[in-house]
Amino acid sequence: MLVAGGGGTTAAGSESDVSFAALEGAGPTGLRLGPPVADTEPGEAAAPAFPAEPPAGAGDWPVASTVRRLDLGSSDFEAWIARSSQGGICVLLYDGTQATGVAPVYAGCSAPEEVARGAAIEVSEVPGRPGEVIAVGVVPDGVTSVSEVLADGSTATSPVSDNAWLRVGSVPAAEGERPNETRGS
């Protein structure tokens, strides 16, 4: 599986001006925070899990107490937003694919100085989803859509709802591409 992370918008603004309403949610997250263990019976679906504590040397990490579920408008994927341990923002993605009884979750965090740009991850070569590229991200309040230049030169635009956006297709983002935002109502 290939996983790429990064942030991405072009808005100006200081970090103190940035807010993410999705972080204020209080409902159940649906994400087991703890060691990723295969605690299911054969044939039973594993729940998505993510380590609450970073492994040694991991660097930036989602802060477990701030993890909140995002509504992607898709029943195929689950995503979460969290503050990062170093002051940025994180997005976590479960693509619905299990590996040996464990439901792995991917994460990408922005650097603290780029929190106003949000965070995004792109996953490809997912078992059971040949040729599919999944990109998900979070952007600050007020962003209505994001666009990305793809590897084939085309542009993909994704709507934003409650700080989250999702793109599913067959073409990855162009190398080094970061999603650009559109603000407005």
Protein backbone atom coordinates (compact mmCIF):
# COMPACT_ATOMS: atom_id res chain seq x y z
CA MET A 1 0.00 0.00 0.00
CA LEU A 2 1.26 3.47 -0.80
CA VAL A 3 0.40 6.23 1.65
CA ALA A 4 1.23 9.90 1.15
CA GLY A 5 0.47 12.71 3.57
CA GLY A 6 0.50 16.46 3.51
CA GLY A 7 -1.55 19.54 4.08
CA GLY A 8 -3.16 21.68 1.60
CA THR A 9 -4.85 24.97 1.03
CA THR A 10 -3.72 28.34 -0.19
CA ALA A 11 -5.46 30.56 2.33
CA ALA A 12 -3.62 33.21 4.22
CA GLY A 13 -4.21 33.59 7.93
CA SER A 14 -2.46 33.03 11.18
CA GLU A 15 -2.71 29.81 13.12
CA SER A 16 -4.69 31.59 15.83
CA ASP A 17 -7.39 32.41 13.24
CA VAL A 18 -7.83 28.73 12.31
CA SER A 19 -10.72 26.68 13.65
CA PHE A 20 -12.07 23.22 12.89
CA ALA A 21 -15.68 22.82 14.04
CA ALA A 22 -15.37 19.04 13.55
CA LEU A 23 -13.06 18.93 16.59
CA GLU A 24 -15.97 20.03 18.78
CA GLY A 25 -17.98 16.84 18.20
CA ALA A 26 -18.87 14.78 21.26
CA GLY A 27 -20.35 11.57 19.85
CA PRO A 28 -18.73 8.13 19.80
CA THR A 29 -15.73 7.95 17.49
CA GLY A 30 -16.13 4.35 16.31
CA LEU A 31 -12.34 4.10 16.48
CA ARG A 32 -10.68 1.80 18.98
CA LEU A 33 -7.66 3.64 20.39
CA GLY A 34 -5.12 1.17 21.68
CA PRO A 35 -2.88 -1.58 20.43
CA PRO A 36 -3.95 -2.97 17.03
CA VAL A 37 -4.86 -6.52 18.00
CA ALA A 38 -6.80 -9.14 16.15
CA ASP A 39 -9.53 -9.74 18.76
CA THR A 40 -12.22 -11.00 16.42
CA GLU A 41 -13.44 -14.46 15.67
CA PRO A 42 -12.72 -15.91 12.22
CA GLY A 43 -15.14 -14.37 9.71
CA GLU A 44 -16.07 -11.51 12.06
CA ALA A 45 -15.27 -7.98 10.94
CA ALA A 46 -12.56 -6.20 12.91
CA ALA A 47 -13.25 -2.68 14.13
CA PRO A 48 -10.86 0.06 12.98
CA ALA A 49 -8.05 0.54 15.50
CA PHE A 50 -5.26 3.05 15.95
CA PRO A 51 -2.49 3.13 18.58
CA ALA A 52 -3.30 5.72 21.26
CA GLU A 53 0.41 6.20 21.96
CA PRO A 54 3.01 6.69 19.23
CA PRO A 55 5.58 3.96 18.68
CA ALA A 56 9.14 4.84 19.67
CA GLY A 57 10.59 7.38 17.24
CA ALA A 58 7.26 8.06 15.49
CA GLY A 59 7.43 11.85 15.80
CA ASP A 60 4.17 13.75 15.24
CA TRP A 61 1.07 11.77 16.25
CA PRO A 62 -2.71 12.30 16.61
CA VAL A 63 -3.63 13.20 20.21
CA ALA A 64 -6.02 10.41 21.26
CA SER A 65 -8.23 12.63 23.46
CA THR A 66 -9.00 14.91 20.49
CA VAL A 67 -10.01 12.25 17.93
CA ARG A 68 -13.47 12.99 16.46
CA ARG A 69 -15.40 11.18 13.72
CA LEU A 70 -15.86 12.91 10.35
CA ASP A 71 -18.83 12.45 8.03
CA LEU A 72 -17.45 11.75 4.56
CA GLY A 73 -20.85 11.06 3.02
CA SER A 74 -19.64 7.57 2.05
CA SER A 75 -20.39 4.25 3.68
CA ASP A 76 -17.20 2.75 2.18
CA PHE A 77 -14.76 4.77 4.28
CA GLU A 78 -14.40 6.11 7.80
CA ALA A 79 -12.34 9.14 8.79
CA TRP A 80 -11.42 11.12 11.88
CA ILE A 81 -9.85 14.48 12.74
CA ALA A 82 -7.48 15.11 15.66
CA ARG A 83 -5.01 17.66 16.94
CA SER A 84 -1.41 16.58 16.47
CA SER A 85 1.09 16.10 19.27
CA GLN A 86 3.26 18.84 17.79
CA GLY A 87 0.51 21.46 17.29
CA GLY A 88 -0.76 20.68 13.80
CA ILE A 89 -3.93 18.93 12.66
CA CYS A 90 -4.34 15.26 11.66
CA VAL A 91 -6.67 13.25 9.47
CA LEU A 92 -7.10 9.48 9.91
CA LEU A 93 -8.61 7.11 7.31
CA TYR A 94 -9.97 3.58 7.42
CA ASP A 95 -10.50 2.28 3.89
CA GLY A 96 -12.71 -0.66 4.90
CA THR A 97 -10.01 -3.23 4.16
CA GLN A 98 -8.88 -5.67 6.82
CA ALA A 99 -5.43 -7.22 7.04
CA THR A 100 -5.17 -10.50 8.97
CA GLY A 101 -8.07 -9.64 11.29
CA VAL A 102 -6.89 -6.08 11.98
CA ALA A 103 -8.57 -3.03 10.48
CA PRO A 104 -5.62 -0.65 9.86
CA VAL A 105 -6.04 3.13 9.99
CA TYR A 106 -3.81 5.53 8.06
CA ALA A 107 -2.90 8.96 9.45
CA GLY A 108 -1.35 12.17 8.19
CA CYS A 109 -0.60 15.28 10.25
CA SER A 110 0.31 18.82 9.27
CA ALA A 111 3.27 20.66 10.72
CA PRO A 112 2.29 23.24 13.35
CA GLU A 113 3.15 26.13 11.03
CA GLU A 114 0.86 24.64 8.36
CA VAL A 115 -2.25 24.00 10.48
CA ALA A 116 -4.07 26.66 8.41
CA ARG A 117 -3.50 24.45 5.38
CA GLY A 118 -5.23 21.43 6.93
CA ALA A 119 -3.99 17.88 6.40
CA ALA A 120 -4.53 15.21 3.76
CA ILE A 121 -3.54 11.63 2.99
CA GLU A 122 -3.70 9.60 -0.19
CA VAL A 123 -3.80 5.80 -0.22
CA SER A 124 -3.41 3.53 -3.25
CA GLU A 125 -2.72 -0.14 -3.97
CA VAL A 126 -5.26 -1.14 -1.31
CA PRO A 127 -5.95 -4.90 -1.25
CA GLY A 128 -9.38 -5.62 -2.73
CA ARG A 129 -9.52 -2.18 -4.42
CA PRO A 130 -7.26 -2.57 -7.47
CA GLY A 131 -6.49 0.66 -9.28
CA GLU A 132 -8.32 2.78 -6.73
CA VAL A 133 -6.81 5.93 -5.21
CA ILE A 134 -8.41 7.30 -2.04
CA ALA A 135 -7.62 10.82 -0.82
CA VAL A 136 -9.14 12.37 2.29
CA GLY A 137 -8.41 15.61 4.06
CA VAL A 138 -9.46 18.16 6.61
CA VAL A 139 -9.49 21.91 6.09
CA PRO A 140 -10.39 24.83 8.39
CA ASP A 141 -13.90 26.25 8.82
CA GLY A 142 -15.11 28.29 5.86
CA VAL A 143 -13.59 26.12 3.11
CA THR A 144 -16.26 24.89 0.69
CA SER A 145 -14.19 22.78 -1.73
CA VAL A 146 -10.66 21.67 -2.55
CA SER A 147 -9.06 21.03 -5.91
CA GLU A 148 -5.99 19.02 -6.82
CA VAL A 149 -3.93 18.66 -9.97
CA LEU A 150 -3.72 14.96 -10.73
CA ALA A 151 -0.81 12.98 -12.18
CA ASP A 152 -2.45 12.98 -15.65
CA GLY A 153 -2.70 16.81 -15.64
CA SER A 154 -6.45 16.94 -14.98
CA THR A 155 -7.95 18.69 -11.96
CA ALA A 156 -10.24 17.07 -9.40
CA THR A 157 -12.52 19.17 -7.19
CA SER A 158 -14.04 17.75 -4.01
CA PRO A 159 -16.75 19.40 -1.88
CA VAL A 160 -16.03 20.03 1.81
CA SER A 161 -18.56 19.17 4.50
CA ASP A 162 -17.87 19.68 8.21
CA ASN A 163 -14.15 20.28 7.54
CA ALA A 164 -13.74 17.02 5.55
CA TRP A 165 -13.32 16.13 1.88
CA LEU A 166 -12.96 12.82 0.01
CA ARG A 167 -11.75 11.94 -3.48
CA VAL A 168 -11.94 8.40 -4.87
CA GLY A 169 -10.68 7.73 -8.37
CA SER A 170 -8.03 5.97 -10.40
CA VAL A 171 -5.45 8.77 -10.74
CA PRO A 172 -3.25 9.97 -7.87
CA ALA A 173 -2.42 13.59 -7.21
CA ALA A 174 0.53 14.95 -9.16
CA GLU A 175 3.85 14.54 -7.37
CA GLY A 176 4.24 17.28 -4.79
CA GLU A 177 0.65 18.51 -5.32
CA ARG A 178 -1.21 19.92 -2.35
CA PRO A 179 -4.97 20.51 -2.41
CA ASN A 180 -6.06 24.10 -2.99
CA GLU A 181 -9.11 25.52 -1.25
CA THR A 182 -12.10 27.59 -2.20
CA ARG A 183 -13.57 29.72 0.58
CA GLY A 184 -17.07 31.07 0.66
CA SER A 185 -20.64 30.13 1.34
